[in-house]
Amino acid sequence: MPSFLMDRLVKPAALALSLAGLPLAADARTDRPDLFVDVAGVVPDAVFDVRYFGTQNFVGARVDGYGAARCFLTRPAAEALAGVAADARKQGLGLRIFDCYRPARAVAHFARWASDLADTRSKAAYYPDVDKKDLFAEGYIAARSGHSRGSTLDLTLFSSATGADLDMGTPFDLFSPKSWPQSSAVSAAQKANRRLLADLMARHGFKPFDKEWWHFTLKSEPYPDTYFDFPIE
C-alpha cells in the first residue's frame, strides 16, 4: 500500500507504535563507504550545530547513533555544499549546519519517541500546532529518512559579520505549517531569507522539502535507494 494511503487509513498512534517496532536498521548498510566524507574537511568555515548530539532537540535527549558532533555527507553532496558556501561567502554569509547523514537507528529512535504519546515535554517548543499522534500522518516524521542515504542536510545562513542567523520566521525543527518554505504566516523579509537559502542550494543541485525550509537533498544523490546505519563517531 502506498505510504500516503497508509497515513490516512491507519490510526496515527497505532502507526507510530508499529513503526517503533520495525527493525528499521536491519536492512540498512552498517559500513561507511569511502564516498562518505566529513564535511568539516570540505567546508572548513561552516559552523556545526549538531542538535541530535545534544539535548536541544524535539526528543529532548541525545539521539541514538550520534556519538560525536560531526557531519558526514557523500562526497558529491559535500562538494556541492562547498559551492554553496563559496557563493554565500561572497554575500557576507556562512552556513550553520544542524544535521547531515542520519543513522537509521536515529530514525528508529524518533519513531519510539513519537509512539510515546504521554511524553509531550517538547510540544511547546517543537510542535505547538500539531498533535503528537499526527506527526507521522502529517509528514513531519517518517519511517525512513533521506538523511540516512547521506546526501541530505539541514542548515541555515548566518551573518559572517555578526554571527547571527538570518531570520527565517521559525527555528529549526519546528513542526508547523509556519516552517513550510512557502508559508504565508511569515513576513516578507523572512520569506526573502528563505528564498535566498533555497536559491543558493538550488544553484548547486539541491532540491528542497515542502515542509521544512532548512531541509535539502542533492538531486543526483549517489545512493538514492540505499540507507545506512553506521554510527557517527
Protein backbone atom coordinates (compact mmCIF):
# COMPACT_ATOMS: atom_id res chain seq x y z
CA MET A 1 0.00 0.00 0.00
CA PRO A 2 1.39 3.46 -0.83
CA SER A 3 2.60 5.32 2.27
CA PHE A 4 0.22 8.23 1.74
CA LEU A 5 -2.77 5.86 1.85
CA MET A 6 -1.45 4.13 4.94
CA ASP A 7 -1.11 7.51 6.64
CA ARG A 8 -4.80 8.10 6.08
CA LEU A 9 -6.17 4.64 6.79
CA VAL A 10 -4.18 3.64 9.88
CA LYS A 11 -4.72 5.41 13.18
CA PRO A 12 -1.68 7.64 13.69
CA ALA A 13 -0.91 6.39 17.19
CA ALA A 14 -1.05 2.76 16.04
CA LEU A 15 1.12 3.63 13.06
CA ALA A 16 3.72 5.20 15.32
CA LEU A 17 3.74 2.12 17.55
CA SER A 18 4.13 -0.10 14.50
CA LEU A 19 6.99 1.97 13.18
CA ALA A 20 8.67 1.98 16.56
CA GLY A 21 8.74 -1.81 16.44
CA LEU A 22 10.09 -2.11 12.94
CA PRO A 23 13.72 -3.22 12.56
CA LEU A 24 14.44 -0.05 10.60
CA ALA A 25 18.19 -0.54 10.79
CA ALA A 26 18.13 -4.25 9.93
CA ASP A 27 18.21 -3.77 6.16
CA ALA A 28 20.47 -0.71 6.26
CA ARG A 29 24.17 -0.91 5.46
CA THR A 30 26.37 -0.68 8.54
CA ASP A 31 29.61 0.04 6.70
CA ARG A 32 30.77 3.56 5.90
CA PRO A 33 31.76 3.70 2.23
CA ASP A 34 34.77 5.77 1.24
CA LEU A 35 32.34 8.05 -0.62
CA PHE A 36 31.24 9.45 2.76
CA VAL A 37 33.35 12.37 3.96
CA ASP A 38 33.48 14.66 6.98
CA VAL A 39 32.03 17.96 5.79
CA ALA A 40 34.37 19.93 8.07
CA GLY A 41 37.21 18.90 5.78
CA VAL A 42 35.40 20.10 2.66
CA VAL A 43 33.64 23.21 4.00
CA PRO A 44 36.04 24.31 6.77
CA ASP A 45 34.29 27.60 7.57
CA ALA A 46 30.88 26.01 8.16
CA VAL A 47 29.55 26.06 11.71
CA PHE A 48 28.26 22.73 13.02
CA ASP A 49 25.37 22.86 15.48
CA VAL A 50 24.55 19.16 15.51
CA ARG A 51 21.33 19.20 17.52
CA TYR A 52 20.82 15.43 17.80
CA PHE A 53 24.19 15.01 19.52
CA GLY A 54 22.89 17.13 22.41
CA THR A 55 19.56 17.64 24.12
CA GLN A 56 18.32 20.76 22.29
CA ASN A 57 16.01 18.81 20.02
CA PHE A 58 12.42 17.57 19.91
CA VAL A 59 13.34 14.26 21.60
CA GLY A 60 14.98 16.13 24.48
CA ALA A 61 17.93 13.71 24.63
CA ARG A 62 20.95 12.64 22.63
CA VAL A 63 19.67 10.58 19.72
CA ASP A 64 20.87 7.03 19.05
CA GLY A 65 23.79 6.87 16.63
CA TYR A 66 25.13 10.36 17.38
CA GLY A 67 28.41 9.68 19.18
CA ALA A 68 30.02 12.94 18.05
CA ALA A 69 29.05 16.38 16.80
CA ARG A 70 30.20 15.60 13.28
CA CYS A 71 28.59 15.95 9.87
CA PHE A 72 29.05 13.31 7.17
CA LEU A 73 27.81 13.53 3.59
CA THR A 74 28.58 11.73 0.38
CA ARG A 75 31.44 13.46 -1.41
CA PRO A 76 29.23 14.76 -4.26
CA ALA A 77 26.90 16.38 -1.72
CA ALA A 78 29.78 17.79 0.32
CA GLU A 79 31.46 19.24 -2.76
CA ALA A 80 28.19 20.78 -3.93
CA LEU A 81 27.80 22.27 -0.45
CA ALA A 82 31.27 23.78 -0.75
CA GLY A 83 29.96 25.64 -3.79
CA VAL A 84 27.02 26.91 -1.74
CA ALA A 85 29.41 28.10 0.96
CA ALA A 86 31.58 29.92 -1.59
CA ASP A 87 28.58 31.77 -3.02
CA ALA A 88 27.29 32.58 0.47
CA ARG A 89 30.71 33.89 1.47
CA LYS A 90 30.57 36.45 -1.36
CA GLN A 91 27.41 37.82 0.26
CA GLY A 92 28.92 38.01 3.74
CA LEU A 93 27.15 34.86 4.87
CA GLY A 94 28.10 31.50 6.34
CA LEU A 95 26.47 28.09 6.70
CA ARG A 96 25.20 26.78 10.02
CA ILE A 97 24.55 23.05 9.72
CA PHE A 98 22.16 21.23 12.04
CA ASP A 99 22.22 17.70 10.61
CA CYS A 100 23.63 15.74 7.69
CA TYR A 101 23.84 11.95 7.43
CA ARG A 102 21.48 10.38 9.99
CA PRO A 103 21.91 6.73 11.03
CA ALA A 104 18.83 4.54 10.58
CA ARG A 105 18.93 3.79 14.30
CA ALA A 106 18.32 7.50 14.93
CA VAL A 107 15.19 7.37 12.79
CA ALA A 108 14.03 4.38 14.86
CA HIS A 109 14.66 6.46 17.99
CA PHE A 110 12.40 9.19 16.56
CA ALA A 111 9.70 6.57 15.96
CA ARG A 112 9.89 5.28 19.53
CA TRP A 113 9.63 8.85 20.81
CA ALA A 114 6.63 9.53 18.56
CA SER A 115 4.86 6.41 19.84
CA ASP A 116 5.07 7.62 23.44
CA LEU A 117 2.08 9.96 23.41
CA ALA A 118 2.46 10.68 27.11
CA ASP A 119 5.80 12.42 26.56
CA THR A 120 4.88 15.94 25.46
CA ARG A 121 7.70 17.83 27.20
CA SER A 122 8.89 19.37 23.94
CA LYS A 123 5.49 20.22 22.49
CA ALA A 124 5.58 23.95 23.20
CA ALA A 125 8.99 24.36 21.60
CA TYR A 126 8.77 21.95 18.66
CA TYR A 127 5.18 21.07 17.70
CA PRO A 128 2.77 23.57 19.27
CA ASP A 129 0.36 23.45 16.30
CA VAL A 130 0.31 19.67 15.75
CA ASP A 131 -0.92 16.79 17.91
CA LYS A 132 1.91 14.35 18.58
CA LYS A 133 -0.23 11.48 17.32
CA ASP A 134 -0.40 13.22 13.93
CA LEU A 135 3.34 13.81 13.38
CA PHE A 136 3.66 10.76 11.11
CA ALA A 137 0.41 11.32 9.24
CA GLU A 138 1.29 14.94 8.52
CA GLY A 139 4.76 14.06 7.25
CA TYR A 140 6.92 15.68 9.93
CA ILE A 141 8.46 12.34 10.95
CA ALA A 142 8.94 9.40 8.56
CA ALA A 143 9.67 5.71 8.92
CA ARG A 144 12.71 6.21 6.70
CA SER A 145 14.67 9.39 6.26
CA GLY A 146 16.51 10.66 3.21
CA HIS A 147 19.20 11.76 5.65
CA SER A 148 20.16 8.09 6.02
CA ARG A 149 21.16 7.99 2.34
CA GLY A 150 23.91 10.52 3.01
CA SER A 151 23.07 13.37 0.63
CA THR A 152 20.50 15.30 2.67
CA LEU A 153 21.22 18.04 5.19
CA ASP A 154 19.54 20.65 7.38
CA LEU A 155 21.05 24.12 7.53
CA THR A 156 20.57 27.87 7.72
CA LEU A 157 22.52 31.02 6.90
CA PHE A 158 24.23 33.39 9.31
CA SER A 159 25.88 36.79 9.00
CA SER A 160 29.67 36.45 8.95
CA ALA A 161 29.95 39.95 10.44
CA THR A 162 27.72 39.38 13.47
CA GLY A 163 27.39 35.61 13.75
CA ALA A 164 23.62 35.98 13.94
CA ASP A 165 21.38 33.64 11.97
CA LEU A 166 19.21 35.16 9.27
CA ASP A 167 15.61 35.37 10.42
CA MET A 168 13.74 32.54 8.71
CA GLY A 169 10.50 33.02 10.63
CA THR A 170 10.71 29.78 12.62
CA PRO A 171 13.51 27.91 14.37
CA PHE A 172 14.97 24.66 13.06
CA ASP A 173 12.79 21.58 13.62
CA LEU A 174 9.59 23.45 14.39
CA PHE A 175 6.89 21.01 13.22
CA SER A 176 4.37 23.53 11.95
CA PRO A 177 2.88 24.83 8.71
CA LYS A 178 4.82 28.01 9.52
CA SER A 179 8.00 26.09 8.67
CA TRP A 180 6.83 25.23 5.17
CA PRO A 181 9.04 27.15 2.71
CA GLN A 182 6.03 28.79 1.07
CA SER A 183 4.18 29.62 4.31
CA SER A 184 2.25 32.88 4.22
CA ALA A 185 2.44 33.12 8.03
CA VAL A 186 5.90 34.70 7.97
CA SER A 187 6.96 38.21 6.99
CA ALA A 188 8.17 39.33 3.58
CA ALA A 189 11.71 39.68 4.93
CA GLN A 190 11.61 36.15 6.37
CA LYS A 191 10.32 34.78 3.06
CA ALA A 192 13.17 36.57 1.28
CA ASN A 193 15.72 34.92 3.57
CA ARG A 194 14.17 31.51 2.88
CA ARG A 195 14.33 32.18 -0.86
CA LEU A 196 17.96 33.23 -0.56
CA LEU A 197 18.86 29.93 1.11
CA ALA A 198 16.78 27.90 -1.36
CA ASP A 199 18.27 29.71 -4.36
CA LEU A 200 21.83 29.15 -3.14
CA MET A 201 21.12 25.45 -2.64
CA ALA A 202 19.30 25.04 -5.96
CA ARG A 203 22.19 26.68 -7.83
CA HIS A 204 24.38 23.79 -6.69
CA GLY A 205 21.99 20.93 -7.36
CA PHE A 206 19.98 20.62 -4.14
CA LYS A 207 16.20 20.27 -4.03
CA PRO A 208 14.02 21.49 -1.13
CA PHE A 209 11.44 19.73 1.05
CA ASP A 210 7.97 21.26 1.10
CA LYS A 211 7.52 21.06 4.89
CA GLU A 212 10.91 22.32 6.13
CA TRP A 213 12.70 25.44 4.91
CA TRP A 214 16.02 24.06 6.25
CA HIS A 215 15.97 20.65 4.51
CA PHE A 216 17.68 19.93 1.16
CA THR A 217 18.70 16.83 -0.81
CA LEU A 218 21.21 16.57 -3.64
CA LYS A 219 19.22 15.82 -6.79
CA SER A 220 21.86 13.45 -8.16
CA GLU A 221 22.47 11.64 -4.88
CA PRO A 222 24.73 8.59 -5.33
CA TYR A 223 22.68 6.30 -3.06
CA PRO A 224 19.06 7.06 -3.96
CA ASP A 225 17.78 3.67 -2.75
CA THR A 226 20.31 2.74 -0.05
CA TYR A 227 20.03 3.53 3.65
CA PHE A 228 22.92 3.44 6.10
CA ASP A 229 23.26 2.80 9.81
CA PHE A 230 26.90 3.35 10.69
CA PRO A 231 27.23 5.44 13.86
CA ILE A 232 28.58 8.98 13.86
CA GLU A 233 31.84 8.88 15.79
